[in-house]
Amino acid sequence: MADTKYLDWPFLEPHHRALALELERWARDNIHDAPHARGQETDDACIGLVRKLGTANWIRYAVGGKEWGGSAETIDTRGICLIRETLARHSGLADFAFAMQGLGSGAITLHGTEEQKRNYLPRVASGQALAAFALSEPAAGSDVGAMKCAAHRDGDGYVLNGEKTWISNGGIADFYVVFARTGEAPGARGITAFIVDAGTPGLEIAERIEVIAPHPLARLRFTHCRIPETRRVGEAGQGFKVAMRTLDIFRTSVAAAALGFARRALDEALQHAATRRMFNHTLADFQLTQAKLADMAAAIDAAALLVYRAAWLRDQGANVTKEAAMAKMVATESAQQVIDAAVQIFGGLGVVSDAPVERLYRDIRALRIYEGATEVQKLIIARELLKDVAATAKP
């Protein structure tokens, strides 16, 4: 088990410490470190993990509202971060399975009607329904304003046409929260969110996408896909705000998942360095190795401080746009460096397919891109800093 001294930091409360320790015990018995699966095996593994996490009552922490199966009335950001960090240390796919239940249903938790919450959230919390968040398009990733997928009014509903891509849980989700242009205003201000059930006529899985760290991923196509107005999430034209509020919760948790990967890499590197014999010494006896281990540990603690600061601030009700961006940028970039160092310490064994550090090397790479690439996080941080300067300069 990784070092848990950080659980005593003042950002966390006693129930957070109990949560982390309970999940660690459960994960050791129920989450098995296994080689990356592919294709149907990945789908089956992901569905199985969602069911297992739901049965054990872990997914309820990703859902808001006790009435709808959540652990509390509002989502506890620190709890989400601790769960993702712990699961990521044990299995990248387990972390993914948990995270997508929260991200995919977050818009309903935050902006859904009572009927929508009643119909979807209890099934998400129990692991009986898989959720997905469909925002990105072939030509609209970081630039949401370039979105082309559109929904137009038609009687008592909407008709949806267009494509979404890089959709996690694509092909296995029971429903998708889809963002489409409805034209109330130009750019990002004319977008609306909708719930689209799998199997809705006009929804097609156009392509399954394979990536270096396998998980269910797909391109969706909507062709005259009719959506009743009762499936609209939030107000018309307010979809960008719905998406950003959802991402604000889970962006910090991406950084926590990166922490989990980095902590596992350090654990593996320490164990290997302490036992690998070389020139009548252990690898850990060499100062170059010690320097690398020191850099890894310092990078992890620096990232953890940013992660749990952002999570704590959000749980206090603060706007954490800047802090969440800092946490995601530093944690994901640092984790990449830590894992790369672990591979180097392992030498040839570090690049053997499906060795633990090799899997981590593939697992971490996408985190520097999804839910806002590192370059976008830098723009967000700078924008927030400049906004503060402009505010203080006003007479």
Protein backbone atom coordinates (compact mmCIF):
# COMPACT_ATOMS: atom_id res chain seq x y z
CA MET A 1 0.00 0.00 0.00
CA ALA A 2 1.23 3.50 -0.85
CA ASP A 3 2.21 6.03 1.81
CA THR A 4 -0.98 7.32 3.47
CA LYS A 5 0.49 10.12 5.59
CA TYR A 6 -1.28 12.63 3.34
CA LEU A 7 -4.59 11.45 4.83
CA ASP A 8 -3.65 13.43 7.95
CA TRP A 9 -3.43 16.70 6.03
CA PRO A 10 -5.90 19.38 7.21
CA PHE A 11 -7.67 19.36 3.84
CA LEU A 12 -9.30 16.06 4.84
CA GLU A 13 -11.78 15.22 7.58
CA PRO A 14 -12.09 12.01 9.64
CA HIS A 15 -14.77 10.54 7.37
CA HIS A 16 -12.48 11.04 4.35
CA ARG A 17 -9.70 9.11 6.08
CA ALA A 18 -12.12 6.31 6.95
CA LEU A 19 -13.38 6.24 3.36
CA ALA A 20 -9.88 5.95 1.90
CA LEU A 21 -8.83 3.17 4.26
CA GLU A 22 -12.07 1.21 3.77
CA LEU A 23 -11.78 1.43 -0.01
CA GLU A 24 -8.14 0.35 0.13
CA ARG A 25 -9.11 -2.78 2.02
CA TRP A 26 -11.96 -3.50 -0.39
CA ALA A 27 -9.85 -2.88 -3.50
CA ARG A 28 -7.11 -5.24 -2.33
CA ASP A 29 -9.68 -8.05 -2.21
CA ASN A 30 -11.84 -7.16 -5.19
CA ILE A 31 -9.80 -5.27 -7.82
CA HIS A 32 -7.31 -7.55 -9.46
CA ASP A 33 -4.31 -6.14 -11.31
CA ALA A 34 -4.54 -7.75 -14.74
CA PRO A 35 -3.12 -7.16 -18.24
CA HIS A 36 -4.96 -4.71 -20.44
CA ALA A 37 -7.83 -6.39 -22.27
CA ARG A 38 -8.95 -5.53 -25.80
CA GLY A 39 -12.23 -5.33 -27.69
CA GLN A 40 -15.12 -7.28 -26.20
CA GLU A 41 -12.98 -8.29 -23.23
CA THR A 42 -12.56 -4.60 -22.34
CA ASP A 43 -16.31 -3.99 -22.62
CA ASP A 44 -17.11 -6.99 -20.43
CA ALA A 45 -14.46 -6.03 -17.87
CA CYS A 46 -15.74 -2.45 -17.67
CA ILE A 47 -19.38 -3.51 -17.28
CA GLY A 48 -18.33 -6.00 -14.62
CA LEU A 49 -16.40 -3.35 -12.69
CA VAL A 50 -19.35 -0.93 -12.77
CA ARG A 51 -21.64 -3.65 -11.41
CA LYS A 52 -19.10 -4.58 -8.72
CA LEU A 53 -18.48 -0.96 -7.67
CA GLY A 54 -22.21 -0.31 -7.59
CA THR A 55 -23.00 -3.41 -5.50
CA ALA A 56 -20.30 -2.39 -3.00
CA ASN A 57 -21.85 1.12 -2.75
CA TRP A 58 -18.83 3.03 -4.07
CA ILE A 59 -20.55 4.64 -7.07
CA ARG A 60 -23.05 6.39 -4.82
CA TYR A 61 -20.25 8.84 -3.94
CA ALA A 62 -20.32 10.04 -7.58
CA VAL A 63 -24.04 10.84 -7.44
CA GLY A 64 -25.63 13.77 -5.65
CA GLY A 65 -28.82 13.44 -3.59
CA LYS A 66 -29.56 10.73 -1.01
CA GLU A 67 -33.09 10.45 -2.42
CA TRP A 68 -31.55 9.32 -5.72
CA GLY A 69 -29.02 6.87 -4.31
CA GLY A 70 -26.19 9.32 -3.61
CA SER A 71 -24.03 9.17 -0.48
CA ALA A 72 -24.86 12.80 0.35
CA GLU A 73 -27.03 15.65 -0.87
CA THR A 74 -24.12 17.16 -2.79
CA ILE A 75 -21.10 15.48 -4.35
CA ASP A 76 -18.10 15.47 -2.00
CA THR A 77 -15.16 16.44 -4.23
CA ARG A 78 -12.57 15.23 -1.73
CA GLY A 79 -14.32 11.88 -1.48
CA ILE A 80 -14.39 11.55 -5.28
CA CYS A 81 -10.66 12.35 -5.42
CA LEU A 82 -9.76 9.81 -2.74
CA ILE A 83 -11.78 7.11 -4.49
CA ARG A 84 -10.23 7.80 -7.88
CA GLU A 85 -6.71 7.96 -6.46
CA THR A 86 -7.16 4.62 -4.71
CA LEU A 87 -8.81 2.86 -7.64
CA ALA A 88 -6.21 4.18 -10.11
CA ARG A 89 -3.44 2.77 -7.94
CA HIS A 90 -5.05 -0.67 -8.26
CA SER A 91 -6.45 -0.58 -11.80
CA GLY A 92 -6.77 2.07 -14.49
CA LEU A 93 -9.96 0.46 -15.80
CA ALA A 94 -11.55 0.42 -12.33
CA ASP A 95 -10.85 4.15 -12.01
CA PHE A 96 -12.34 4.71 -15.47
CA ALA A 97 -15.47 2.70 -14.64
CA PHE A 98 -16.10 4.74 -11.51
CA ALA A 99 -15.28 8.12 -13.04
CA MET A 100 -17.57 7.71 -16.03
CA GLN A 101 -20.56 6.97 -13.81
CA GLY A 102 -20.02 10.36 -12.20
CA LEU A 103 -19.11 12.36 -15.29
CA GLY A 104 -21.83 10.74 -17.40
CA SER A 105 -24.57 11.50 -14.88
CA GLY A 106 -23.16 14.72 -13.40
CA ALA A 107 -25.31 16.98 -15.56
CA ILE A 108 -28.43 15.20 -14.30
CA THR A 109 -27.28 15.52 -10.68
CA LEU A 110 -26.67 19.26 -11.14
CA HIS A 111 -29.41 20.33 -13.56
CA GLY A 112 -31.82 17.44 -14.07
CA THR A 113 -35.54 17.56 -13.36
CA GLU A 114 -36.95 15.46 -10.55
CA GLU A 115 -38.27 12.99 -13.13
CA GLN A 116 -34.84 12.71 -14.79
CA LYS A 117 -33.12 12.17 -11.45
CA ARG A 118 -35.66 9.53 -10.45
CA ASN A 119 -35.34 7.68 -13.75
CA TYR A 120 -31.53 7.68 -14.07
CA LEU A 121 -29.56 8.40 -10.90
CA PRO A 122 -30.57 5.40 -8.74
CA ARG A 123 -29.61 3.04 -11.58
CA VAL A 124 -26.28 4.85 -12.03
CA ALA A 125 -25.51 4.71 -8.30
CA SER A 126 -26.27 0.99 -8.09
CA GLY A 127 -24.18 0.19 -11.18
CA GLN A 128 -27.19 -1.07 -13.13
CA ALA A 129 -27.01 1.65 -15.79
CA LEU A 130 -23.83 2.85 -17.49
CA ALA A 131 -23.57 6.58 -18.21
CA ALA A 132 -21.66 8.56 -20.85
CA PHE A 133 -20.82 12.23 -21.46
CA ALA A 134 -20.91 13.22 -25.13
CA LEU A 135 -19.34 16.64 -25.72
CA SER A 136 -16.37 16.26 -28.11
CA GLU A 137 -16.70 16.16 -31.90
CA PRO A 138 -14.28 15.48 -34.77
CA ALA A 139 -13.63 19.23 -35.12
CA ALA A 140 -14.66 20.41 -31.65
CA GLY A 141 -12.62 19.20 -28.71
CA SER A 142 -11.08 21.98 -26.66
CA ASP A 143 -13.00 24.53 -28.78
CA VAL A 144 -16.57 23.76 -27.72
CA GLY A 145 -17.80 26.76 -29.67
CA ALA A 146 -16.94 24.94 -32.91
CA MET A 147 -19.60 22.31 -32.20
CA LYS A 148 -21.63 21.26 -35.26
CA CYS A 149 -23.91 18.57 -33.87
CA ALA A 150 -27.30 20.31 -33.84
CA ALA A 151 -30.78 19.83 -32.47
CA HIS A 152 -33.77 21.71 -33.87
CA ARG A 153 -37.21 22.11 -32.40
CA ASP A 154 -39.87 19.83 -33.86
CA GLY A 155 -43.27 19.80 -32.20
CA ASP A 156 -42.97 18.74 -28.57
CA GLY A 157 -39.33 17.70 -28.88
CA TYR A 158 -36.07 18.05 -30.75
CA VAL A 159 -34.45 16.31 -33.72
CA LEU A 160 -30.73 15.68 -33.33
CA ASN A 161 -28.23 15.37 -36.20
CA GLY A 162 -24.44 15.17 -36.19
CA GLU A 163 -21.54 13.25 -34.66
CA LYS A 164 -19.71 12.94 -31.36
CA THR A 165 -16.32 11.27 -30.94
CA TRP A 166 -13.89 10.16 -28.23
CA ILE A 167 -16.95 9.21 -26.18
CA SER A 168 -15.96 7.07 -23.22
CA ASN A 169 -18.40 4.20 -22.56
CA GLY A 170 -19.47 4.63 -26.18
CA GLY A 171 -21.06 1.39 -27.32
CA ILE A 172 -21.81 0.06 -23.82
CA ALA A 173 -23.58 3.00 -22.15
CA ASP A 174 -27.27 2.76 -21.33
CA PHE A 175 -27.67 6.50 -21.90
CA TYR A 176 -25.65 9.49 -23.12
CA VAL A 177 -25.78 13.11 -21.99
CA VAL A 178 -25.33 14.79 -25.38
CA PHE A 179 -24.53 18.45 -26.04
CA ALA A 180 -25.86 19.96 -29.28
CA ARG A 181 -26.15 23.35 -30.89
CA THR A 182 -29.69 24.74 -30.62
CA GLY A 183 -28.96 28.23 -31.89
CA GLU A 184 -30.13 30.55 -29.11
CA ALA A 185 -26.86 32.51 -29.48
CA PRO A 186 -23.59 32.18 -31.39
CA GLY A 187 -20.64 30.08 -30.21
CA ALA A 188 -20.77 28.28 -26.91
CA ARG A 189 -23.85 30.21 -25.77
CA GLY A 190 -26.26 28.38 -28.08
CA ILE A 191 -25.78 24.79 -26.86
CA THR A 192 -28.25 22.54 -25.02
CA ALA A 193 -27.83 19.25 -23.15
CA PHE A 194 -30.05 16.20 -23.75
CA ILE A 195 -30.35 12.67 -22.40
CA VAL A 196 -30.33 10.13 -25.22
CA ASP A 197 -31.05 6.53 -24.29
CA ALA A 198 -29.08 3.79 -26.01
CA GLY A 199 -31.31 2.21 -28.64
CA THR A 200 -33.07 5.48 -29.51
CA PRO A 201 -33.86 5.39 -33.26
CA GLY A 202 -31.34 7.53 -35.12
CA LEU A 203 -28.48 6.90 -32.66
CA GLU A 204 -25.73 4.75 -34.19
CA ILE A 205 -22.35 3.60 -32.92
CA ALA A 206 -20.45 4.67 -36.03
CA GLU A 207 -17.01 3.46 -34.92
CA ARG A 208 -15.31 1.81 -31.96
CA ILE A 209 -11.95 3.45 -31.22
CA GLU A 210 -8.91 1.56 -29.89
CA VAL A 211 -6.38 3.53 -27.81
CA ILE A 212 -3.11 2.71 -26.04
CA ALA A 213 -4.79 2.20 -22.66
CA PRO A 214 -7.88 0.23 -23.70
CA HIS A 215 -11.29 1.30 -22.50
CA PRO A 216 -14.71 1.50 -24.21
CA LEU A 217 -14.53 4.43 -26.63
CA ALA A 218 -16.61 5.26 -29.69
CA ARG A 219 -17.76 7.72 -32.32
CA LEU A 220 -21.52 8.31 -32.25
CA ARG A 221 -23.71 9.36 -35.17
CA PHE A 222 -27.15 10.94 -34.83
CA THR A 223 -29.45 10.90 -37.87
CA HIS A 224 -32.88 12.47 -37.39
CA CYS A 225 -32.75 11.28 -33.80
CA ARG A 226 -35.93 12.44 -32.04
CA ILE A 227 -35.58 13.51 -28.41
CA PRO A 228 -38.63 14.45 -26.29
CA GLU A 229 -38.42 17.76 -24.51
CA THR A 230 -38.58 15.89 -21.20
CA ARG A 231 -35.05 14.68 -21.95
CA ARG A 232 -33.58 18.18 -22.13
CA VAL A 233 -31.20 18.81 -19.22
CA GLY A 234 -31.31 22.39 -17.96
CA GLU A 235 -32.53 25.37 -19.94
CA ALA A 236 -32.27 25.66 -23.71
CA GLY A 237 -29.05 27.43 -24.70
CA GLN A 238 -27.43 26.77 -21.31
CA GLY A 239 -25.63 23.56 -22.24
CA PHE A 240 -22.15 25.06 -22.09
CA LYS A 241 -22.73 26.06 -18.46
CA VAL A 242 -24.10 22.58 -17.73
CA ALA A 243 -20.99 20.99 -19.25
CA MET A 244 -18.55 23.29 -17.46
CA ARG A 245 -20.20 22.84 -14.07
CA THR A 246 -20.00 19.07 -14.54
CA LEU A 247 -16.36 19.24 -15.58
CA ASP A 248 -15.52 21.53 -12.65
CA ILE A 249 -16.42 18.67 -10.29
CA PHE A 250 -14.56 15.95 -12.10
CA ARG A 251 -11.53 17.83 -13.49
CA THR A 252 -9.90 17.82 -10.05
CA SER A 253 -10.59 14.10 -9.79
CA VAL A 254 -8.64 13.51 -13.03
CA ALA A 255 -5.65 14.94 -11.19
CA ALA A 256 -6.37 12.54 -8.32
CA ALA A 257 -6.36 9.59 -10.71
CA ALA A 258 -2.96 10.75 -12.00
CA LEU A 259 -1.78 10.77 -8.38
CA GLY A 260 -2.90 7.17 -8.01
CA PHE A 261 -0.94 6.12 -11.08
CA ALA A 262 2.14 8.03 -9.87
CA ARG A 263 1.99 6.54 -6.37
CA ARG A 264 1.80 3.03 -7.83
CA ALA A 265 4.79 3.78 -10.06
CA LEU A 266 6.84 4.99 -7.08
CA ASP A 267 5.88 1.91 -5.06
CA GLU A 268 6.95 -0.37 -7.90
CA ALA A 269 10.21 1.56 -8.42
CA LEU A 270 11.09 1.49 -4.70
CA GLN A 271 10.50 -2.24 -4.46
CA HIS A 272 12.53 -2.94 -7.59
CA ALA A 273 15.39 -0.62 -6.61
CA ALA A 274 15.63 -2.19 -3.15
CA THR A 275 15.89 -5.75 -4.50
CA ARG A 276 17.64 -5.50 -7.89
CA ARG A 277 21.28 -6.53 -7.52
CA MET A 278 23.93 -4.79 -9.63
CA PHE A 279 27.72 -4.69 -9.20
CA ASN A 280 27.43 -6.30 -5.74
CA HIS A 281 24.99 -3.62 -4.61
CA THR A 282 21.29 -3.01 -4.89
CA LEU A 283 20.10 -0.48 -7.44
CA ALA A 284 18.94 1.68 -4.52
CA ASP A 285 22.50 2.00 -3.27
CA PHE A 286 23.46 4.20 -6.22
CA GLN A 287 23.09 7.95 -5.80
CA LEU A 288 21.64 8.38 -9.29
CA THR A 289 18.78 6.07 -8.33
CA GLN A 290 18.29 7.85 -5.02
CA ALA A 291 18.12 11.22 -6.77
CA LYS A 292 15.49 9.89 -9.17
CA LEU A 293 13.40 8.46 -6.31
CA ALA A 294 13.64 11.78 -4.45
CA ASP A 295 12.41 13.70 -7.50
CA MET A 296 9.51 11.27 -7.90
CA ALA A 297 8.41 11.57 -4.26
CA ALA A 298 8.63 15.39 -4.25
CA ALA A 299 6.63 15.64 -7.49
CA ILE A 300 3.89 13.43 -6.06
CA ASP A 301 3.57 15.43 -2.83
CA ALA A 302 3.54 18.76 -4.71
CA ALA A 303 0.76 17.51 -6.98
CA ALA A 304 -1.20 16.05 -4.06
CA LEU A 305 -1.18 19.41 -2.26
CA LEU A 306 -2.68 21.09 -5.33
CA VAL A 307 -5.25 18.34 -5.81
CA TYR A 308 -6.60 18.35 -2.28
CA ARG A 309 -6.46 22.14 -2.02
CA ALA A 310 -8.70 22.40 -5.09
CA ALA A 311 -11.02 19.68 -3.80
CA TRP A 312 -11.25 21.30 -0.35
CA LEU A 313 -11.97 24.73 -1.83
CA ARG A 314 -14.75 23.36 -4.00
CA ASP A 315 -16.32 21.59 -1.04
CA GLN A 316 -16.32 24.98 0.74
CA GLY A 317 -18.35 26.40 -2.14
CA ALA A 318 -15.54 28.37 -3.78
CA ASN A 319 -15.07 28.88 -7.50
CA VAL A 320 -12.09 26.62 -8.30
CA THR A 321 -11.63 27.18 -12.02
CA LYS A 322 -8.00 28.25 -11.56
CA GLU A 323 -7.16 25.82 -8.75
CA ALA A 324 -8.67 22.82 -10.55
CA ALA A 325 -6.75 23.71 -13.71
CA MET A 326 -3.50 23.96 -11.72
CA ALA A 327 -4.16 20.61 -10.05
CA LYS A 328 -4.90 18.84 -13.31
CA MET A 329 -1.95 20.36 -15.14
CA VAL A 330 0.63 19.67 -12.44
CA ALA A 331 -0.65 16.25 -11.38
CA THR A 332 -0.92 14.79 -14.87
CA GLU A 333 2.37 16.21 -16.11
CA SER A 334 4.17 15.15 -12.92
CA ALA A 335 2.69 11.67 -13.07
CA GLN A 336 3.96 11.26 -16.61
CA GLN A 337 7.47 12.15 -15.42
CA VAL A 338 7.25 9.89 -12.36
CA ILE A 339 6.08 6.91 -14.41
CA ASP A 340 8.74 7.52 -17.04
CA ALA A 341 11.36 7.51 -14.26
CA ALA A 342 9.94 4.23 -12.93
CA VAL A 343 10.24 2.64 -16.38
CA GLN A 344 13.86 3.83 -16.52
CA ILE A 345 14.61 2.31 -13.13
CA PHE A 346 13.19 -1.02 -14.31
CA GLY A 347 15.29 -0.90 -17.47
CA GLY A 348 14.33 -3.57 -19.99
CA LEU A 349 11.73 -5.03 -17.64
CA GLY A 350 9.94 -1.68 -17.73
CA VAL A 351 9.00 -1.99 -21.39
CA VAL A 352 7.78 -5.59 -21.31
CA SER A 353 4.16 -5.59 -22.48
CA ASP A 354 1.68 -5.53 -19.59
CA ALA A 355 4.33 -5.25 -16.89
CA PRO A 356 2.88 -2.96 -14.18
CA VAL A 357 4.99 0.11 -15.03
CA GLU A 358 4.46 -0.42 -18.77
CA ARG A 359 0.69 -0.41 -18.21
CA LEU A 360 1.01 2.73 -16.13
CA TYR A 361 3.01 4.34 -18.96
CA ARG A 362 0.04 3.80 -21.27
CA ASP A 363 -2.60 4.60 -18.65
CA ILE A 364 -1.25 8.05 -17.81
CA ARG A 365 -0.86 9.44 -21.30
CA ALA A 366 -4.50 10.20 -22.01
CA LEU A 367 -4.95 12.11 -18.75
CA ARG A 368 -2.79 14.93 -20.10
CA ILE A 369 -5.38 15.36 -22.89
CA TYR A 370 -8.91 14.54 -21.81
CA GLU A 371 -11.16 16.92 -19.83
CA GLY A 372 -8.94 19.75 -21.02
CA ALA A 373 -5.44 19.26 -22.38
CA THR A 374 -2.48 20.66 -20.44
CA GLU A 375 -2.18 23.51 -22.93
CA VAL A 376 -5.82 24.46 -22.30
CA GLN A 377 -5.26 24.36 -18.53
CA LYS A 378 -2.42 26.87 -18.97
CA LEU A 379 -4.76 29.19 -20.87
CA ILE A 380 -7.40 28.86 -18.15
CA ILE A 381 -4.90 29.65 -15.38
CA ALA A 382 -3.53 32.69 -17.22
CA ARG A 383 -7.04 33.93 -18.02
CA GLU A 384 -8.05 33.71 -14.35
CA LEU A 385 -4.87 35.50 -13.24
CA LEU A 386 -5.43 38.30 -15.73
CA LYS A 387 -9.07 38.57 -14.71
CA ASP A 388 -7.93 39.17 -11.13
CA VAL A 389 -5.51 41.87 -12.31
CA ALA A 390 -8.25 43.59 -14.31
CA ALA A 391 -10.60 43.50 -11.32
CA THR A 392 -8.07 45.11 -8.97
CA ALA A 393 -7.16 47.78 -11.56
CA LYS A 394 -10.71 49.16 -11.70
CA PRO A 395 -11.18 52.45 -9.83
